[in-house]
PDB file of N, CA and C in Angstrom:
ATOM      1  N   MET A   1      52.693  70.889  80.843  1.00  0.00           N
ATOM      2  CA  MET A   1      53.986  71.880  80.991  1.00  0.00           C
ATOM      3  C   MET A   1      55.028  70.843  81.439  1.00  0.00           C
ATOM      4  N   ALA A   2      56.012  70.428  80.576  1.00  0.00           N
ATOM      5  CA  ALA A   2      57.112  69.679  80.976  1.00  0.00           C
ATOM      6  C   ALA A   2      58.369  70.340  81.047  1.00  0.00           C
ATOM      7  N   LEU A   3      59.175  69.788  81.929  1.00  0.00           N
ATOM      8  CA  LEU A   3      60.497  70.426  82.348  1.00  0.00           C
ATOM      9  C   LEU A   3      61.434  70.012  81.396  1.00  0.00           C
ATOM     10  N   THR A   4      62.173  71.247  80.905  1.00  0.00           N
ATOM     11  CA  THR A   4      63.360  70.616  80.208  1.00  0.00           C
ATOM     12  C   THR A   4      64.560  70.456  80.788  1.00  0.00           C
ATOM     13  N   LYS A   5      65.536  69.897  79.988  1.00  0.00           N
ATOM     14  CA  LYS A   5      66.705  69.325  80.561  1.00  0.00           C
ATOM     15  C   LYS A   5      67.506  70.647  81.313  1.00  0.00           C
ATOM     16  N   GLU A   6      67.559  71.895  80.542  1.00  0.00           N
ATOM     17  CA  GLU A   6      68.060  72.755  81.262  1.00  0.00           C
ATOM     18  C   GLU A   6      67.394  73.186  82.529  1.00  0.00           C
ATOM     19  N   ASP A   7      65.792  73.291  82.368  1.00  0.00           N
ATOM     20  CA  ASP A   7      65.062  73.468  83.736  1.00  0.00           C
ATOM     21  C   ASP A   7      65.673  72.512  84.949  1.00  0.00           C
ATOM     22  N   LEU A   8      65.652  71.400  84.494  1.00  0.00           N
ATOM     23  CA  LEU A   8      66.068  70.460  85.527  1.00  0.00           C
ATOM     24  C   LEU A   8      67.384  70.598  86.157  1.00  0.00           C
ATOM     25  N   ILE A   9      68.324  70.926  85.319  1.00  0.00           N
ATOM     26  CA  ILE A   9      69.824  71.412  85.599  1.00  0.00           C
ATOM     27  C   ILE A   9      69.784  72.700  86.412  1.00  0.00           C
ATOM     28  N   LEU A  10      69.154  73.795  85.968  1.00  0.00           N
ATOM     29  CA  LEU A  10      68.994  74.723  86.961  1.00  0.00           C
ATOM     30  C   LEU A  10      68.203  74.466  88.272  1.00  0.00           C
ATOM     31  N   ILE A  11      67.370  73.816  88.607  1.00  0.00           N
ATOM     32  CA  ILE A  11      66.571  73.297  89.710  1.00  0.00           C
ATOM     33  C   ILE A  11      67.822  72.454  90.620  1.00  0.00           C
ATOM     34  N   GLY A  12      68.237  71.700  89.772  1.00  0.00           N
ATOM     35  CA  GLY A  12      69.604  70.928  90.709  1.00  0.00           C
ATOM     36  C   GLY A  12      70.541  71.838  91.144  1.00  0.00           C
ATOM     37  N   ASP A  13      70.963  72.851  90.429  1.00  0.00           N
ATOM     38  CA  ASP A  13      71.931  73.919  90.865  1.00  0.00           C
ATOM     39  C   ASP A  13      71.581  74.675  92.124  1.00  0.00           C
ATOM     40  N   LEU A  14      70.165  75.153  91.900  1.00  0.00           N
ATOM     41  CA  LEU A  14      69.539  75.809  92.944  1.00  0.00           C
ATOM     42  C   LEU A  14      69.545  75.004  94.483  1.00  0.00           C
ATOM     43  N   PHE A  15      69.301  73.720  94.277  1.00  0.00           N
ATOM     44  CA  PHE A  15      69.103  72.784  95.264  1.00  0.00           C
ATOM     45  C   PHE A  15      70.421  72.789  95.749  1.00  0.00           C
ATOM     46  N   ASP A  16      71.424  72.670  94.877  1.00  0.00           N
ATOM     47  CA  ASP A  16      72.740  72.015  95.538  1.00  0.00           C
ATOM     48  C   ASP A  16      73.225  73.390  96.195  1.00  0.00           C
ATOM     49  N   GLN A  17      72.936  74.657  95.668  1.00  0.00           N
ATOM     50  CA  GLN A  17      73.353  75.859  96.420  1.00  0.00           C
ATOM     51  C   GLN A  17      72.880  76.066  97.806  1.00  0.00           C
ATOM     52  N   LYS A  18      71.406  75.881  97.982  1.00  0.00           N
ATOM     53  CA  LYS A  18      70.729  75.890  98.954  1.00  0.00           C
ATOM     54  C   LYS A  18      71.299  74.816 100.137  1.00  0.00           C
ATOM     55  N   PHE A  19      71.340  73.487  99.591  1.00  0.00           N
ATOM     56  CA  PHE A  19      72.159  72.536 100.365  1.00  0.00           C
ATOM     57  C   PHE A  19      73.454  72.794 100.827  1.00  0.00           C
ATOM     58  N   ASP A  20      74.099  73.448  99.886  1.00  0.00           N
ATOM     59  CA  ASP A  20      75.529  73.692 100.488  1.00  0.00           C
ATOM     60  C   ASP A  20      75.577  74.730 101.524  1.00  0.00           C
ATOM     61  N   GLN A  21      74.750  75.812 101.203  1.00  0.00           N
ATOM     62  CA  GLN A  21      74.528  76.883 102.363  1.00  0.00           C
ATOM     63  C   GLN A  21      74.166  76.464 103.716  1.00  0.00           C
ATOM     64  N   LYS A  22      73.263  75.595 103.877  1.00  0.00           N
ATOM     65  CA  LYS A  22      72.549  74.888 105.148  1.00  0.00           C
ATOM     66  C   LYS A  22      73.760  74.138 105.600  1.00  0.00           C
ATOM     67  N   PHE A  23      74.069  73.310 104.744  1.00  0.00           N
ATOM     68  CA  PHE A  23      75.202  72.370 105.294  1.00  0.00           C
ATOM     69  C   PHE A  23      76.412  73.229 105.986  1.00  0.00           C
ATOM     70  N   ASP A  24      76.798  74.165 105.125  1.00  0.00           N
ATOM     71  CA  ASP A  24      78.037  75.230 105.690  1.00  0.00           C
ATOM     72  C   ASP A  24      77.463  75.530 106.916  1.00  0.00           C
ATOM     73  N   GLN A  25      76.172  76.087 107.052  1.00  0.00           N
ATOM     74  CA  GLN A  25      75.929  76.751 108.432  1.00  0.00           C
ATOM     75  C   GLN A  25      75.737  75.898 109.538  1.00  0.00           C
ATOM     76  N   LYS A  26      75.489  74.609 109.251  1.00  0.00           N
ATOM     77  CA  LYS A  26      75.114  73.704 110.279  1.00  0.00           C
ATOM     78  C   LYS A  26      76.706  72.918 110.656  1.00  0.00           C
ATOM     79  N   LEU A  27      77.674  73.021 109.701  1.00  0.00           N
ATOM     80  CA  LEU A  27      78.996  72.444 110.022  1.00  0.00           C
ATOM     81  C   LEU A  27      79.849  73.718 110.664  1.00  0.00           C
ATOM     82  N   LYS A  28      79.794  74.991 110.528  1.00  0.00           N
ATOM     83  CA  LYS A  28      80.605  75.894 110.733  1.00  0.00           C
ATOM     84  C   LYS A  28      80.978  75.807 112.405  1.00  0.00           C
ATOM     85  N   PRO A  29      80.111  75.468 113.139  1.00  0.00           N
ATOM     86  CA  PRO A  29      80.601  75.410 114.578  1.00  0.00           C
ATOM     87  C   PRO A  29      81.468  74.182 114.736  1.00  0.00           C
ATOM     88  N   VAL A  30      81.414  73.133 113.980  1.00  0.00           N
ATOM     89  CA  VAL A  30      82.159  72.052 114.052  1.00  0.00           C
ATOM     90  C   VAL A  30      83.675  72.320 113.427  1.00  0.00           C
ATOM     91  N   PHE A  31      83.708  72.934 112.272  1.00  0.00           N
ATOM     92  CA  PHE A  31      85.037  73.413 111.649  1.00  0.00           C
ATOM     93  C   PHE A  31      85.550  74.383 112.568  1.00  0.00           C
ATOM     94  N   ASP A  32      85.033  75.391 113.297  1.00  0.00           N
ATOM     95  CA  ASP A  32      85.559  76.493 113.912  1.00  0.00           C
ATOM     96  C   ASP A  32      86.433  75.551 115.163  1.00  0.00           C
ATOM     97  N   ARG A  33      85.709  74.758 115.873  1.00  0.00           N
ATOM     98  CA  ARG A  33      86.040  73.963 116.927  1.00  0.00           C
ATOM     99  C   ARG A  33      87.212  72.919 116.468  1.00  0.00           C
ATOM    100  N   LEU A  34      87.240  72.317 115.268  1.00  0.00           N
ATOM    101  CA  LEU A  34      88.346  71.661 114.813  1.00  0.00           C
ATOM    102  C   LEU A  34      89.566  72.827 114.570  1.00  0.00           C
ATOM    103  N   ASP A  35      89.258  73.767 114.364  1.00  0.00           N
ATOM    104  CA  ASP A  35      90.276  74.729 113.970  1.00  0.00           C
ATOM    105  C   ASP A  35      91.044  75.078 115.322  1.00  0.00           C
ATOM    106  N   ARG A  36      90.356  75.273 116.397  1.00  0.00           N
ATOM    107  CA  ARG A  36      90.603  75.478 117.724  1.00  0.00           C
ATOM    108  C   ARG A  36      91.518  74.339 118.317  1.00  0.00           C
ATOM    109  N   LEU A  37      91.100  73.003 117.978  1.00  0.00           N
ATOM    110  CA  LEU A  37      91.737  71.891 118.573  1.00  0.00           C
ATOM    111  C   LEU A  37      92.796  71.817 117.808  1.00  0.00           C
ATOM    112  N   GLU A  38      93.025  72.013 116.439  1.00  0.00           N
ATOM    113  CA  GLU A  38      94.362  71.725 115.677  1.00  0.00           C
ATOM    114  C   GLU A  38      95.393  73.086 116.365  1.00  0.00           C
ATOM    115  N   TYR A  39      94.852  74.174 116.628  1.00  0.00           N
ATOM    116  CA  TYR A  39      95.800  75.219 116.903  1.00  0.00           C
ATOM    117  C   TYR A  39      96.376  74.854 118.547  1.00  0.00           C
ATOM    118  N   LYS A  40      95.594  74.047 119.333  1.00  0.00           N
ATOM    119  CA  LYS A  40      95.836  73.723 120.777  1.00  0.00           C
ATOM    120  C   LYS A  40      96.721  72.491 120.485  1.00  0.00           C
ATOM    121  N   GLN A  41      96.502  71.609 119.585  1.00  0.00           N
ATOM    122  CA  GLN A  41      97.358  70.729 119.473  1.00  0.00           C
ATOM    123  C   GLN A  41      98.685  70.879 118.883  1.00  0.00           C
ATOM    124  N   ASP A  42      98.717  72.044 117.988  1.00  0.00           N
ATOM    125  CA  ASP A  42     100.077  72.583 117.420  1.00  0.00           C
ATOM    126  C   ASP A  42     100.906  73.304 118.885  1.00  0.00           C
ATOM    127  N   ARG A  43     100.267  73.896 119.783  1.00  0.00           N
ATOM    128  CA  ARG A  43     100.656  74.492 120.773  1.00  0.00           C
ATOM    129  C   ARG A  43     101.368  73.304 121.566  1.00  0.00           C
ATOM    130  N   SER A  44     100.445  72.557 121.825  1.00  0.00           N
ATOM    131  CA  SER A  44     101.182  71.152 122.854  1.00  0.00           C
ATOM    132  C   SER A  44     102.213  70.586 122.280  1.00  0.00           C
ATOM    133  N   GLU A  45     102.155  70.327 120.978  1.00  0.00           N
ATOM    134  CA  GLU A  45     103.296  69.760 120.272  1.00  0.00           C
ATOM    135  C   GLU A  45     104.496  70.633 120.534  1.00  0.00           C
ATOM    136  N   LYS A  46     104.550  71.711 120.269  1.00  0.00           N
ATOM    137  CA  LYS A  46     105.746  72.641 120.405  1.00  0.00           C
ATOM    138  C   LYS A  46     106.157  72.724 122.045  1.00  0.00           C
ATOM    139  N   LYS A  47     105.431  72.647 123.007  1.00  0.00           N
ATOM    140  CA  LYS A  47     105.726  72.605 124.317  1.00  0.00           C
ATOM    141  C   LYS A  47     106.279  71.129 124.562  1.00  0.00           C
ATOM    142  N   ILE A  48     105.730  70.215 124.257  1.00  0.00           N
ATOM    143  CA  ILE A  48     106.413  68.989 124.196  1.00  0.00           C
ATOM    144  C   ILE A  48     107.609  68.736 123.680  1.00  0.00           C
ATOM    145  N   ASP A  49     107.876  69.447 122.544  1.00  0.00           N
ATOM    146  CA  ASP A  49     109.379  69.563 121.873  1.00  0.00           C
ATOM    147  C   ASP A  49     110.201  70.218 122.711  1.00  0.00           C
ATOM    148  N   ASN A  50     109.794  71.572 123.308  1.00  0.00           N
ATOM    149  CA  ASN A  50     110.587  72.208 124.174  1.00  0.00           C
ATOM    150  C   ASN A  50     110.985  71.349 125.404  1.00  0.00           C
ATOM    151  N   LEU A  51     110.053  70.697 126.115  1.00  0.00           N
ATOM    152  CA  LEU A  51     110.413  69.871 127.027  1.00  0.00           C
ATOM    153  C   LEU A  51     111.242  68.810 126.802  1.00  0.00           C
ATOM    154  N   GLN A  52     111.273  68.255 125.811  1.00  0.00           N
ATOM    155  CA  GLN A  52     112.217  67.220 125.463  1.00  0.00           C
ATOM    156  C   GLN A  52     113.484  67.730 125.276  1.00  0.00           C
ATOM    157  N   LEU A  53     113.558  68.925 124.790  1.00  0.00           N
ATOM    158  CA  LEU A  53     114.903  69.565 124.390  1.00  0.00           C
ATOM    159  C   LEU A  53     115.405  70.055 125.864  1.00  0.00           C
ATOM    160  N   ASP A  54     114.681  70.424 126.746  1.00  0.00           N
ATOM    161  CA  ASP A  54     115.056  70.845 128.058  1.00  0.00           C
ATOM    162  C   ASP A  54     115.526  69.628 128.698  1.00  0.00           C
ATOM    163  N   MET A  55     114.753  68.422 128.613  1.00  0.00           N
ATOM    164  CA  MET A  55     115.343  67.350 129.251  1.00  0.00           C
ATOM    165  C   MET A  55     116.724  66.837 128.650  1.00  0.00           C
ATOM    166  N   LYS A  56     116.790  66.949 127.380  1.00  0.00           N
ATOM    167  CA  LYS A  56     118.237  66.720 127.164  1.00  0.00           C
ATOM    168  C   LYS A  56     119.217  67.366 127.367  1.00  0.00           C
ATOM    169  N   ILE A  57     119.040  68.665 127.537  1.00  0.00           N
ATOM    170  CA  ILE A  57     119.914  69.574 128.005  1.00  0.00           C
ATOM    171  C   ILE A  57     120.388  69.193 129.652  1.00  0.00           C
ATOM    172  N   MET A  58     119.219  69.117 130.299  1.00  0.00           N
ATOM    173  CA  MET A  58     119.566  69.093 131.777  1.00  0.00           C
ATOM    174  C   MET A  58     120.040  67.587 131.941  1.00  0.00           C
ATOM    175  N   GLU A  59     119.912  66.758 131.047  1.00  0.00           N
ATOM    176  CA  GLU A  59     120.767  65.272 131.312  1.00  0.00           C
ATOM    177  C   GLU A  59     122.107  65.542 131.120  1.00  0.00           C
ATOM    178  N   ARG A  60     122.449  66.152 129.875  1.00  0.00           N
ATOM    179  CA  ARG A  60     123.733  66.441 129.501  1.00  0.00           C
ATOM    180  C   ARG A  60     124.493  67.349 130.764  1.00  0.00           C
ATOM    181  N   ASP A  61     123.885  68.408 131.240  1.00  0.00           N
ATOM    182  CA  ASP A  61     124.442  68.941 132.131  1.00  0.00           C
ATOM    183  C   ASP A  61     124.700  68.137 133.499  1.00  0.00           C
ATOM    184  N   MET A  62     123.653  67.605 133.764  1.00  0.00           N
ATOM    185  CA  MET A  62     124.046  66.501 135.227  1.00  0.00           C
ATOM    186  C   MET A  62     125.193  65.523 134.713  1.00  0.00           C
ATOM    187  N   LYS A  63     125.190  64.745 133.610  1.00  0.00           N
ATOM    188  CA  LYS A  63     126.433  63.829 133.577  1.00  0.00           C
ATOM    189  C   LYS A  63     127.791  64.784 133.558  1.00  0.00           C
ATOM    190  N   ARG A  64     127.561  66.074 133.177  1.00  0.00           N
ATOM    191  CA  ARG A  64     128.848  66.745 133.011  1.00  0.00           C
ATOM    192  C   ARG A  64     129.319  66.964 134.452  1.00  0.00           C
ATOM    193  N   GLU A  65     128.245  67.466 135.486  1.00  0.00           N
ATOM    194  CA  GLU A  65     128.545  67.726 136.740  1.00  0.00           C
ATOM    195  C   GLU A  65     128.864  66.499 137.436  1.00  0.00           C
ATOM    196  N   LEU A  66     128.278  65.380 137.170  1.00  0.00           N
ATOM    197  CA  LEU A  66     128.622  64.082 137.930  1.00  0.00           C
ATOM    198  C   LEU A  66     130.116  63.758 137.393  1.00  0.00           C
ATOM    199  N   HIS A  67     130.643  63.965 136.255  1.00  0.00           N
ATOM    200  CA  HIS A  67     131.979  63.714 135.729  1.00  0.00           C
ATOM    201  C   HIS A  67     132.726  64.416 136.663  1.00  0.00           C
ATOM    202  N   ILE A  68     132.528  65.713 136.914  1.00  0.00           N
ATOM    203  CA  ILE A  68     133.328  66.686 137.544  1.00  0.00           C
ATOM    204  C   ILE A  68     133.564  66.581 139.184  1.00  0.00           C
ATOM    205  N   LEU A  69     132.220  66.097 139.789  1.00  0.00           N
ATOM    206  CA  LEU A  69     132.328  65.629 141.082  1.00  0.00           C
ATOM    207  C   LEU A  69     133.155  64.207 141.259  1.00  0.00           C
ATOM    208  N   SER A  70     132.864  63.483 140.248  1.00  0.00           N
ATOM    209  CA  SER A  70     133.814  62.030 140.268  1.00  0.00           C
ATOM    210  C   SER A  70     135.129  62.569 140.221  1.00  0.00           C
ATOM    211  N   ASP A  71     135.658  63.483 139.504  1.00  0.00           N
ATOM    212  CA  ASP A  71     137.119  63.805 139.443  1.00  0.00           C
ATOM    213  C   ASP A  71     137.473  64.169 140.747  1.00  0.00           C
ATOM    214  N   GLN A  72     136.707  65.227 141.195  1.00  0.00           N
ATOM    215  CA  GLN A  72     137.133  65.902 142.469  1.00  0.00           C
ATOM    216  C   GLN A  72     137.246  64.927 143.680  1.00  0.00           C
ATOM    217  N   THR A  73     136.307  63.855 143.473  1.00  0.00           N
ATOM    218  CA  THR A  73     136.328  63.148 144.682  1.00  0.00           C
ATOM    219  C   THR A  73     137.462  62.187 144.813  1.00  0.00           C
ATOM    220  N   GLU A  74     137.962  61.609 143.347  1.00  0.00           N
ATOM    221  CA  GLU A  74     139.029  60.973 143.126  1.00  0.00           C
ATOM    222  C   GLU A  74     140.381  61.930 143.485  1.00  0.00           C
ATOM    223  N   THR A  75     140.329  63.151 143.368  1.00  0.00           N
ATOM    224  CA  THR A  75     141.369  63.863 143.587  1.00  0.00           C
ATOM    225  C   THR A  75     141.649  63.942 145.342  1.00  0.00           C
ATOM    226  N   ILE A  76     140.365  64.363 145.858  1.00  0.00           N
ATOM    227  CA  ILE A  76     140.467  64.472 147.337  1.00  0.00           C
ATOM    228  C   ILE A  76     140.980  63.043 147.942  1.00  0.00           C
ATOM    229  N   ILE A  77     140.566  62.008 147.365  1.00  0.00           N
ATOM    230  CA  ILE A  77     140.983  60.558 147.928  1.00  0.00           C
ATOM    231  C   ILE A  77     142.342  60.608 147.693  1.00  0.00           C
ATOM    232  N   GLU A  78     143.007  60.854 146.605  1.00  0.00           N
ATOM    233  CA  GLU A  78     144.448  60.809 146.298  1.00  0.00           C
ATOM    234  C   GLU A  78     145.107  61.685 147.602  1.00  0.00           C
ATOM    235  N   VAL A  79     144.793  62.751 147.462  1.00  0.00           N
ATOM    236  CA  VAL A  79     145.601  63.803 148.455  1.00  0.00           C
ATOM    237  C   VAL A  79     145.369  63.147 149.824  1.00  0.00           C
ATOM    238  N   LEU A  80     144.237  62.607 150.262  1.00  0.00           N
ATOM    239  CA  LEU A  80     144.176  62.060 151.618  1.00  0.00           C
ATOM    240  C   LEU A  80     145.043  60.682 151.727  1.00  0.00           C
ATOM    241  N   LYS A  81     145.067  59.944 150.735  1.00  0.00           N
ATOM    242  CA  LYS A  81     146.121  58.900 150.866  1.00  0.00           C
ATOM    243  C   LYS A  81     147.478  59.218 151.010  1.00  0.00           C
ATOM    244  N   GLN A  82     148.073  60.319 150.051  1.00  0.00           N
ATOM    245  CA  GLN A  82     149.453  60.891 150.116  1.00  0.00           C
ATOM    246  C   GLN A  82     149.598  61.386 151.464  1.00  0.00           C
ATOM    247  N   ASN A  83     148.827  62.204 152.025  1.00  0.00           N
ATOM    248  CA  ASN A  83     149.118  62.649 153.367  1.00  0.00           C
ATOM    249  C   ASN A  83     148.877  61.687 154.397  1.00  0.00           C
ATOM    250  N   GLU A  84     148.452  60.169 154.207  1.00  0.00           N
ATOM    251  CA  GLU A  84     148.213  59.381 154.937  1.00  0.00           C
ATOM    252  C   GLU A  84     147.325  59.682 156.261  1.00  0.00           C
ATOM    253  N   LEU A  85     146.241  60.208 155.647  1.00  0.00           N
ATOM    254  CA  LEU A  85     145.087  60.390 156.466  1.00  0.00           C
ATOM    255  C   LEU A  85     143.856  59.637 155.988  1.00  0.00           C
ATOM    256  N   LEU A  86     144.121  58.753 155.223  1.00  0.00           N
ATOM    257  CA  LEU A  86     142.935  57.844 154.531  1.00  0.00           C
ATOM    258  C   LEU A  86     143.934  56.471 154.477  1.00  0.00           C
ATOM    259  N   PRO A  87     143.466  55.436 154.969  1.00  0.00           N
ATOM    260  CA  PRO A  87     144.208  54.055 154.875  1.00  0.00           C
ATOM    261  C   PRO A  87     144.229  53.626 153.387  1.00  0.00           C
ATOM    262  N   LEU A  88     145.340  53.015 153.129  1.00  0.00           N
ATOM    263  CA  LEU A  88     145.524  52.614 151.778  1.00  0.00           C
ATOM    264  C   LEU A  88     144.882  51.261 151.428  1.00  0.00           C
TER     265      LEU A  88
END
């Protein structure tokens, strides 16, 4: 009894289905873990982006405050000089 081409194709398809099922079962935990890692990476990336934005805002605010303090200091110095409380 010889196998026909159609028989070999059916056997090959059956083997592929069984192999794919076993392969998927074995790799499911790996894929699940990869999904979790991708989710965590996305969250971490968003946190880093938010932190970078917070740092830029803080830097801008500090520069603004430093400028205001500098102006106030200059004003105080000028007032002290005008009132001769500070040597020229």
